[in-house]
Amino acid sequence: MSFGTRTLPGGWDITPSAAFVRTFERADSAGTDTAAGTKLTPSGYFRLESPDYGITRLSFTEALSYSDSRQWTKNLGTLTVRRFWRNAAGAQATQRLFGAFNTNQSLSFTQTGILSDTPSIQPAYSASLGVSFPMYKVFGLEVFGLHGLLHTATPAFGLNYEPAVLPGGFLGRPRLDSVQSASLTASLENGFQVKAGPDRRKLDIGRLRLGTSHDLKTGRLAPVSADLSINPLLPFRAADTGRSRRRFDVRIDAVGSFDAGELKPGEDYSLRTNLMWDWMTHDSLPGSERGIRLNANHVFGRSQNMLIGSVTAVIPGWSISLNSLGYNFALRQLTDYSLTVVKDLHCWEALVNLSGLGKTWRYDFEFRIKKLPDVRFGKSTFRTFLPGIR
């Protein structure tokens, strides 16, 4: 629950919020309840932010939460209770120097109070400094309806420090001469934007982020990580015209790393390719849309090689969707599938879903009001009266 942002005297803004979460869990094995649990998590948060003083802007945050978790294992007859509270306070200052350099400084203090088992309080302190500065380069590109390419490169550097804390009182005793952890971070964020079409729309077609860190305590340099995301066909996407809509889109996301010390690629990497084809037609009558949507995702990584696809066929009064169809090439087996059929019933609609994961499958059905989708009844409703339905 958020109370929005309120302006206080002096131009300061405060943003409070609160949450109350109550969850019930049940573990099932071979049709028999083997475990059950409850979790209660109330929390509160506020952010206090100063006006822009020209030189700096200040902000303060405070978050307080409590957790009460209880797990029953029926076949063993045991009850496990975990209770703790957590407090996190922070202060941050940001500046923009000479209109180009963005700097920030922050301090934080956290406490975790264990209420179950052996009661204890675990305080922690941390501080950080950071600086970044964007650089721009415009390339004169006049081809295939493109009108220029903007490359934005933003180097960023940071210093993080956390002192050791000795037990003592409610706040503990931080030892500034004893380092718990300290690191230097460096990253380079690249963004690519083009102007496309006769109206020269600005479109973000990709980004590339490189980053690494150096542990000052151990002297270890972390592998250089790379995160790439591109959408090369976005500037050439056909606009909706008349009764027909035809689109073909490609999106590529890749994550990898390089170990500079070993001079070899990192062990964790992944490449995800998304293909989307949309061919729909419609007229002026409501519910007259018809056509096909195809979507395919290929995921390739160190330990996986999977193809996941979906197909949606739309005809007046019906919608048939193969939401997912996954195949693991490494294991040569079907991993998951999901099929949904929706029937238009004027003010209502009926939905049937069949899904599977590995060798486990399930079905579901429900009826719901179109304009009030929260008003529904279905399999879960009938299960209340007929426990045998699964």
Protein backbone atom coordinates (compact mmCIF):
# COMPACT_ATOMS: atom_id res chain seq x y z
CA MET A 1 0.00 0.00 0.00
CA SER A 2 1.55 3.28 -1.13
CA PHE A 3 0.55 6.68 0.18
CA GLY A 4 2.09 8.52 -2.76
CA THR A 5 4.58 11.36 -2.51
CA ARG A 6 3.84 14.26 -0.20
CA THR A 7 5.67 17.60 -0.17
CA LEU A 8 6.80 18.83 3.24
CA PRO A 9 7.79 22.35 4.31
CA GLY A 10 11.09 23.37 2.76
CA GLY A 11 10.42 21.51 -0.47
CA TRP A 12 11.29 18.06 0.88
CA ASP A 13 9.35 15.08 -0.50
CA ILE A 14 8.36 12.03 1.55
CA THR A 15 7.16 8.74 0.06
CA PRO A 16 5.80 6.27 2.66
CA SER A 17 4.47 2.78 1.98
CA ALA A 18 3.41 -0.28 3.96
CA ALA A 19 2.79 -3.93 3.15
CA PHE A 20 1.20 -6.88 4.92
CA VAL A 21 1.71 -10.33 3.40
CA ARG A 22 0.16 -13.53 4.73
CA THR A 23 0.94 -16.74 2.84
CA PHE A 24 -0.16 -20.33 3.29
CA GLU A 25 1.88 -23.16 1.80
CA ARG A 26 1.26 -26.85 1.29
CA ALA A 27 3.64 -29.54 0.07
CA ASP A 28 2.09 -32.62 -1.50
CA SER A 29 3.64 -36.01 -2.26
CA ALA A 30 1.84 -38.96 -3.88
CA GLY A 31 -1.53 -37.43 -3.09
CA THR A 32 -0.77 -37.03 0.62
CA ASP A 33 -0.12 -33.76 2.42
CA THR A 34 3.38 -34.05 3.89
CA ALA A 35 4.06 -30.47 4.96
CA ALA A 36 2.28 -27.19 5.51
CA GLY A 37 3.36 -23.74 6.51
CA THR A 38 2.38 -20.14 7.11
CA LYS A 39 4.35 -16.93 6.76
CA LEU A 40 3.51 -13.48 8.10
CA THR A 41 5.52 -10.51 6.79
CA PRO A 42 4.45 -6.95 7.66
CA SER A 43 6.78 -4.17 6.51
CA GLY A 44 7.04 -0.40 6.28
CA TYR A 45 9.20 1.95 4.22
CA PHE A 46 9.68 5.64 3.62
CA ARG A 47 11.96 7.80 1.49
CA LEU A 48 12.74 11.42 2.31
CA GLU A 49 14.26 13.46 -0.52
CA SER A 50 15.49 17.04 -0.52
CA PRO A 51 14.96 19.60 -3.26
CA ASP A 52 17.78 20.19 -5.73
CA TYR A 53 20.10 22.65 -4.04
CA GLY A 54 22.12 23.11 -7.23
CA ILE A 55 25.22 21.53 -5.72
CA THR A 56 23.74 18.37 -4.24
CA ARG A 57 20.54 16.46 -3.59
CA LEU A 58 20.05 14.44 -0.39
CA SER A 59 17.87 11.41 0.30
CA PHE A 60 17.22 9.24 3.35
CA THR A 61 15.50 5.85 3.47
CA GLU A 62 14.21 3.64 6.26
CA ALA A 63 12.78 0.13 5.90
CA LEU A 64 11.53 -2.05 8.76
CA SER A 65 10.13 -5.56 8.39
CA TYR A 66 9.19 -8.56 10.50
CA SER A 67 8.93 -12.20 9.46
CA ASP A 68 7.22 -15.10 11.25
CA SER A 69 7.53 -18.41 9.39
CA ARG A 70 6.12 -21.73 10.64
CA GLN A 71 6.61 -25.06 8.86
CA TRP A 72 4.86 -28.29 9.85
CA THR A 73 6.24 -31.62 8.62
CA LYS A 74 3.31 -33.97 9.15
CA ASN A 75 4.99 -37.30 8.54
CA LEU A 76 7.71 -36.41 11.09
CA GLY A 77 5.46 -34.51 13.47
CA THR A 78 7.84 -31.54 13.71
CA LEU A 79 7.26 -27.78 13.80
CA THR A 80 9.97 -25.33 12.72
CA VAL A 81 9.55 -21.67 13.70
CA ARG A 82 11.71 -18.86 12.32
CA ARG A 83 11.16 -15.31 13.52
CA PHE A 84 13.31 -12.26 12.84
CA TRP A 85 13.09 -8.53 12.23
CA ARG A 86 15.18 -6.40 9.92
CA ASN A 87 15.95 -2.69 9.91
CA ALA A 88 17.71 -0.92 7.03
CA ALA A 89 18.54 2.79 7.06
CA GLY A 90 20.43 4.69 4.39
CA ALA A 91 21.58 8.17 3.40
CA GLN A 92 22.71 9.25 -0.05
CA ALA A 93 24.00 12.43 -1.68
CA THR A 94 24.21 12.98 -5.44
CA GLN A 95 25.84 15.72 -7.46
CA ARG A 96 26.23 16.69 -11.11
CA LEU A 97 29.55 18.46 -11.53
CA PHE A 98 30.35 20.71 -14.49
CA GLY A 99 27.21 19.43 -16.19
CA ALA A 100 28.87 16.12 -17.07
CA PHE A 101 30.08 14.14 -14.04
CA ASN A 102 27.51 12.33 -11.88
CA THR A 103 28.84 11.55 -8.41
CA ASN A 104 27.20 9.88 -5.43
CA GLN A 105 28.05 8.97 -1.85
CA SER A 106 26.03 6.68 0.38
CA LEU A 107 26.04 5.29 3.91
CA SER A 108 23.88 2.41 5.11
CA PHE A 109 23.18 0.61 8.35
CA THR A 110 21.32 -2.69 8.65
CA GLN A 111 20.26 -4.79 11.60
CA THR A 112 18.90 -8.31 11.64
CA GLY A 113 17.38 -9.43 14.90
CA ILE A 114 16.97 -13.20 15.33
CA LEU A 115 14.05 -13.95 17.66
CA SER A 116 13.89 -17.75 17.31
CA ASP A 117 16.56 -20.23 18.40
CA THR A 118 19.28 -18.13 20.08
CA PRO A 119 18.18 -14.45 20.10
CA SER A 120 20.82 -12.14 18.65
CA ILE A 121 21.27 -8.87 16.77
CA GLN A 122 23.53 -8.71 13.71
CA PRO A 123 24.41 -5.11 12.72
CA ALA A 124 26.31 -4.14 9.56
CA TYR A 125 27.64 -0.86 8.15
CA SER A 126 28.65 0.02 4.60
CA ALA A 127 29.74 3.03 2.56
CA SER A 128 30.20 3.65 -1.15
CA LEU A 129 31.43 6.29 -3.58
CA GLY A 130 30.62 6.43 -7.28
CA VAL A 131 31.21 8.53 -10.37
CA SER A 132 29.95 8.26 -13.96
CA PHE A 133 30.08 10.50 -17.01
CA PRO A 134 28.19 9.97 -20.29
CA MET A 135 29.85 10.52 -23.67
CA TYR A 136 28.05 10.85 -27.00
CA LYS A 137 28.92 10.23 -30.63
CA VAL A 138 26.54 10.84 -33.55
CA PHE A 139 27.10 8.98 -36.82
CA GLY A 140 25.60 10.39 -40.01
CA LEU A 141 23.67 7.38 -41.26
CA GLU A 142 21.28 7.81 -44.19
CA VAL A 143 20.29 4.35 -45.43
CA PHE A 144 17.16 2.14 -45.42
CA GLY A 145 15.07 4.94 -43.94
CA LEU A 146 17.48 5.57 -41.05
CA HIS A 147 18.57 9.11 -40.22
CA GLY A 148 21.56 8.94 -37.92
CA LEU A 149 22.89 6.69 -35.15
CA LEU A 150 23.57 7.90 -31.61
CA HIS A 151 26.12 5.96 -29.55
CA THR A 152 26.15 6.72 -25.81
CA ALA A 153 29.05 5.41 -23.72
CA THR A 154 28.90 5.84 -19.93
CA PRO A 155 31.93 4.72 -17.89
CA ALA A 156 31.26 4.29 -14.17
CA PHE A 157 33.58 3.63 -11.23
CA GLY A 158 32.75 2.81 -7.64
CA LEU A 159 34.34 2.08 -4.28
CA ASN A 160 32.50 -0.08 -1.73
CA TYR A 161 33.64 -0.53 1.87
CA GLU A 162 32.22 -2.54 4.77
CA PRO A 163 34.03 -2.55 8.13
CA ALA A 164 34.06 -5.45 10.54
CA VAL A 165 31.59 -5.08 13.42
CA LEU A 166 32.26 -6.42 16.90
CA PRO A 167 29.39 -7.46 19.19
CA GLY A 168 28.40 -4.76 21.60
CA GLY A 169 25.09 -3.18 22.41
CA PHE A 170 22.28 -2.49 20.00
CA LEU A 171 24.44 -0.87 17.30
CA GLY A 172 27.54 -3.03 17.58
CA ARG A 173 31.08 -1.62 17.45
CA PRO A 174 32.35 -0.97 13.91
CA ARG A 175 36.12 -1.33 13.45
CA LEU A 176 37.22 1.12 10.77
CA ASP A 177 40.72 -0.38 10.77
CA SER A 178 39.39 -3.90 10.13
CA VAL A 179 37.91 -4.59 6.70
CA GLN A 180 35.01 -6.99 6.29
CA SER A 181 34.87 -6.37 2.54
CA ALA A 182 36.13 -3.71 0.12
CA SER A 183 36.03 -3.57 -3.65
CA LEU A 184 36.53 -1.35 -6.67
CA THR A 185 34.01 -1.65 -9.49
CA ALA A 186 34.19 -0.48 -13.09
CA SER A 187 31.62 -0.68 -15.87
CA LEU A 188 30.98 0.68 -19.34
CA GLU A 189 27.37 1.09 -20.46
CA ASN A 190 26.80 1.45 -24.21
CA GLY A 191 23.49 2.49 -25.75
CA PHE A 192 22.53 2.65 -29.42
CA GLN A 193 19.68 4.79 -30.72
CA VAL A 194 18.54 5.54 -34.28
CA LYS A 195 16.09 7.90 -35.94
CA ALA A 196 13.84 6.02 -38.33
CA GLY A 197 11.04 6.74 -40.79
CA PRO A 198 9.72 9.98 -42.23
CA ASP A 199 8.77 11.20 -38.74
CA ARG A 200 12.32 10.47 -37.47
CA ARG A 201 11.21 8.44 -34.47
CA LYS A 202 13.90 7.82 -31.85
CA LEU A 203 14.28 4.08 -31.24
CA ASP A 204 16.60 2.25 -28.85
CA ILE A 205 17.90 -0.74 -30.81
CA GLY A 206 20.48 -2.15 -28.42
CA ARG A 207 22.72 -1.91 -25.41
CA LEU A 208 25.99 -3.46 -24.31
CA ARG A 209 27.27 -3.45 -20.74
CA LEU A 210 30.77 -4.48 -19.65
CA GLY A 211 31.73 -4.68 -15.99
CA THR A 212 34.26 -6.04 -13.54
CA SER A 213 35.36 -5.61 -9.93
CA HIS A 214 38.54 -5.91 -7.89
CA ASP A 215 38.45 -7.30 -4.36
CA LEU A 216 40.78 -5.09 -2.32
CA LYS A 217 40.90 -7.59 0.55
CA THR A 218 41.93 -10.66 -1.45
CA GLY A 219 43.47 -8.88 -4.46
CA ARG A 220 41.31 -10.92 -6.85
CA LEU A 221 40.04 -9.48 -10.12
CA ALA A 222 36.57 -10.70 -11.07
CA PRO A 223 35.94 -11.87 -14.65
CA VAL A 224 34.81 -9.19 -17.06
CA SER A 225 31.06 -9.65 -17.56
CA ALA A 226 29.23 -8.73 -20.75
CA ASP A 227 25.49 -8.22 -21.22
CA LEU A 228 24.19 -7.62 -24.75
CA SER A 229 20.63 -6.92 -25.90
CA ILE A 230 19.75 -5.92 -29.47
CA ASN A 231 16.54 -5.51 -31.47
CA PRO A 232 17.88 -4.97 -35.02
CA LEU A 233 14.56 -5.02 -36.88
CA LEU A 234 12.78 -2.50 -34.65
CA PRO A 235 13.32 0.47 -37.05
CA PHE A 236 11.86 -1.54 -39.94
CA ARG A 237 8.72 -2.77 -38.19
CA ALA A 238 5.69 -2.19 -40.39
CA ALA A 239 3.04 0.08 -38.93
CA ASP A 240 -0.57 -1.04 -38.59
CA THR A 241 -2.41 -0.12 -41.79
CA GLY A 242 -6.10 -0.63 -42.47
CA ARG A 243 -7.41 -4.08 -41.68
CA SER A 244 -4.08 -5.93 -41.79
CA ARG A 245 -1.19 -6.12 -39.36
CA ARG A 246 1.96 -8.01 -40.31
CA ARG A 247 5.04 -7.92 -38.13
CA PHE A 248 8.28 -9.83 -37.93
CA ASP A 249 10.61 -9.14 -35.04
CA VAL A 250 13.93 -10.50 -33.75
CA ARG A 251 15.45 -9.91 -30.32
CA ILE A 252 18.81 -11.25 -29.18
CA ASP A 253 20.04 -11.29 -25.57
CA ALA A 254 23.46 -12.64 -24.63
CA VAL A 255 25.33 -12.90 -21.32
CA GLY A 256 28.93 -14.01 -20.90
CA SER A 257 32.22 -13.32 -19.16
CA PHE A 258 35.97 -13.39 -19.72
CA ASP A 259 38.55 -14.29 -17.07
CA ALA A 260 41.42 -11.84 -17.56
CA GLY A 261 43.66 -13.74 -15.15
CA GLU A 262 43.26 -17.08 -16.92
CA LEU A 263 42.86 -15.47 -20.38
CA LYS A 264 39.86 -17.64 -21.20
CA PRO A 265 36.07 -17.26 -21.50
CA GLY A 266 34.02 -17.74 -18.37
CA GLU A 267 32.12 -20.95 -17.72
CA ASP A 268 28.68 -19.33 -17.54
CA TYR A 269 27.19 -17.95 -20.74
CA SER A 270 23.84 -17.89 -22.47
CA LEU A 271 22.35 -16.76 -25.76
CA ARG A 272 18.62 -16.20 -26.11
CA THR A 273 17.02 -15.53 -29.49
CA ASN A 274 13.37 -14.50 -29.77
CA LEU A 275 11.50 -14.61 -33.08
CA MET A 276 7.98 -13.18 -33.37
CA TRP A 277 5.66 -13.18 -36.38
CA ASP A 278 2.24 -11.53 -36.18
CA TRP A 279 -0.29 -11.68 -39.04
CA MET A 280 -3.73 -10.44 -38.00
CA THR A 281 -6.72 -8.99 -39.83
CA HIS A 282 -9.83 -7.30 -38.47
CA ASP A 283 -12.78 -5.17 -39.47
CA SER A 284 -14.96 -2.65 -37.68
CA LEU A 285 -17.04 -5.24 -35.80
CA PRO A 286 -15.98 -6.07 -32.21
CA GLY A 287 -14.49 -9.54 -31.82
CA SER A 288 -13.85 -9.95 -35.55
CA GLU A 289 -10.07 -10.21 -35.29
CA ARG A 290 -8.54 -13.29 -36.84
CA GLY A 291 -5.07 -14.48 -37.71
CA ILE A 292 -1.98 -16.19 -36.33
CA ARG A 293 0.76 -15.20 -33.91
CA LEU A 294 3.97 -17.23 -33.80
CA ASN A 295 6.63 -16.89 -31.12
CA ALA A 296 9.83 -18.92 -30.75
CA ASN A 297 12.60 -18.69 -28.16
CA HIS A 298 15.89 -20.51 -28.48
CA VAL A 299 18.11 -20.64 -25.39
CA PHE A 300 21.68 -21.82 -25.71
CA GLY A 301 24.03 -22.02 -22.75
CA ARG A 302 26.78 -24.00 -21.11
CA SER A 303 24.37 -26.56 -19.68
CA GLN A 304 21.26 -26.09 -21.81
CA ASN A 305 20.10 -26.01 -25.39
CA MET A 306 16.34 -25.52 -25.50
CA LEU A 307 13.72 -24.37 -27.96
CA ILE A 308 10.48 -22.90 -26.60
CA GLY A 309 7.68 -21.87 -28.89
CA SER A 310 4.11 -20.64 -28.85
CA VAL A 311 1.35 -20.29 -31.41
CA THR A 312 -1.93 -18.38 -31.11
CA ALA A 313 -4.74 -18.79 -33.64
CA VAL A 314 -7.61 -16.29 -33.44
CA ILE A 315 -10.96 -16.71 -35.19
CA PRO A 316 -14.22 -14.90 -34.36
CA GLY A 317 -15.47 -16.27 -31.03
CA TRP A 318 -12.43 -18.44 -30.35
CA SER A 319 -8.79 -18.14 -29.32
CA ILE A 320 -6.53 -21.19 -29.37
CA SER A 321 -3.05 -20.73 -27.92
CA LEU A 322 -0.16 -23.13 -27.64
CA ASN A 323 1.41 -20.99 -24.92
CA SER A 324 4.63 -22.96 -24.65
CA LEU A 325 6.25 -26.00 -26.17
CA GLY A 326 9.75 -26.66 -24.86
CA TYR A 327 12.28 -29.19 -26.08
CA ASN A 328 15.67 -29.92 -24.50
CA PHE A 329 18.12 -30.88 -27.24
CA ALA A 330 20.76 -32.02 -24.75
CA LEU A 331 18.38 -34.49 -23.06
CA ARG A 332 16.30 -35.10 -26.20
CA GLN A 333 13.01 -34.78 -24.42
CA LEU A 334 9.94 -32.57 -24.19
CA THR A 335 10.28 -30.30 -21.18
CA ASP A 336 6.93 -28.51 -20.96
CA TYR A 337 3.78 -27.63 -22.84
CA SER A 338 0.72 -25.47 -22.28
CA LEU A 339 -2.45 -25.24 -24.37
CA THR A 340 -5.25 -22.73 -23.72
CA VAL A 341 -8.63 -22.51 -25.46
CA VAL A 342 -10.89 -19.49 -24.86
CA LYS A 343 -14.52 -19.36 -26.06
CA ASP A 344 -16.41 -16.08 -26.29
CA LEU A 345 -19.77 -16.32 -24.47
CA HIS A 346 -20.92 -12.74 -25.07
CA CYS A 347 -20.53 -11.11 -21.63
CA TRP A 348 -18.70 -14.17 -20.32
CA GLU A 349 -15.85 -16.26 -21.61
CA ALA A 350 -14.84 -19.85 -20.94
CA LEU A 351 -11.23 -20.95 -20.59
CA VAL A 352 -9.69 -24.43 -20.62
CA ASN A 353 -5.97 -24.99 -20.02
CA LEU A 354 -3.89 -28.16 -20.33
CA SER A 355 -0.26 -28.02 -19.23
CA GLY A 356 2.60 -30.33 -18.47
CA LEU A 357 6.06 -30.19 -16.95
CA GLY A 358 8.21 -33.24 -17.46
CA LYS A 359 6.04 -36.27 -16.72
CA THR A 360 3.52 -34.28 -14.66
CA TRP A 361 0.42 -32.80 -16.27
CA ARG A 362 -2.62 -30.90 -15.06
CA TYR A 363 -5.74 -29.24 -16.41
CA ASP A 364 -7.79 -26.23 -15.39
CA PHE A 365 -11.01 -24.55 -16.49
CA GLU A 366 -12.95 -21.46 -15.49
CA PHE A 367 -15.73 -19.09 -16.49
CA ARG A 368 -15.24 -15.35 -16.02
CA ILE A 369 -16.89 -12.03 -16.82
CA LYS A 370 -15.00 -10.15 -19.52
CA LYS A 371 -15.22 -6.72 -17.93
CA LEU A 372 -14.76 -8.12 -14.41
CA PRO A 373 -12.12 -10.86 -14.79
CA ASP A 374 -11.84 -11.21 -11.01
CA VAL A 375 -15.41 -12.53 -10.98
CA ARG A 376 -14.86 -16.16 -11.93
CA PHE A 377 -15.53 -19.73 -10.99
CA GLY A 378 -13.89 -22.90 -12.17
CA LYS A 379 -11.94 -25.95 -11.14
CA SER A 380 -10.70 -24.41 -7.89
CA THR A 381 -14.31 -23.64 -6.93
CA PHE A 382 -15.49 -27.18 -7.60
CA ARG A 383 -12.52 -28.67 -5.76
CA THR A 384 -13.86 -27.09 -2.57
CA PHE A 385 -16.97 -29.26 -2.83
CA LEU A 386 -15.39 -32.23 -4.61
CA PRO A 387 -11.94 -32.86 -3.08
CA GLY A 388 -11.42 -35.79 -5.43
CA ILE A 389 -11.01 -33.47 -8.43
CA ARG A 390 -7.31 -32.65 -8.85
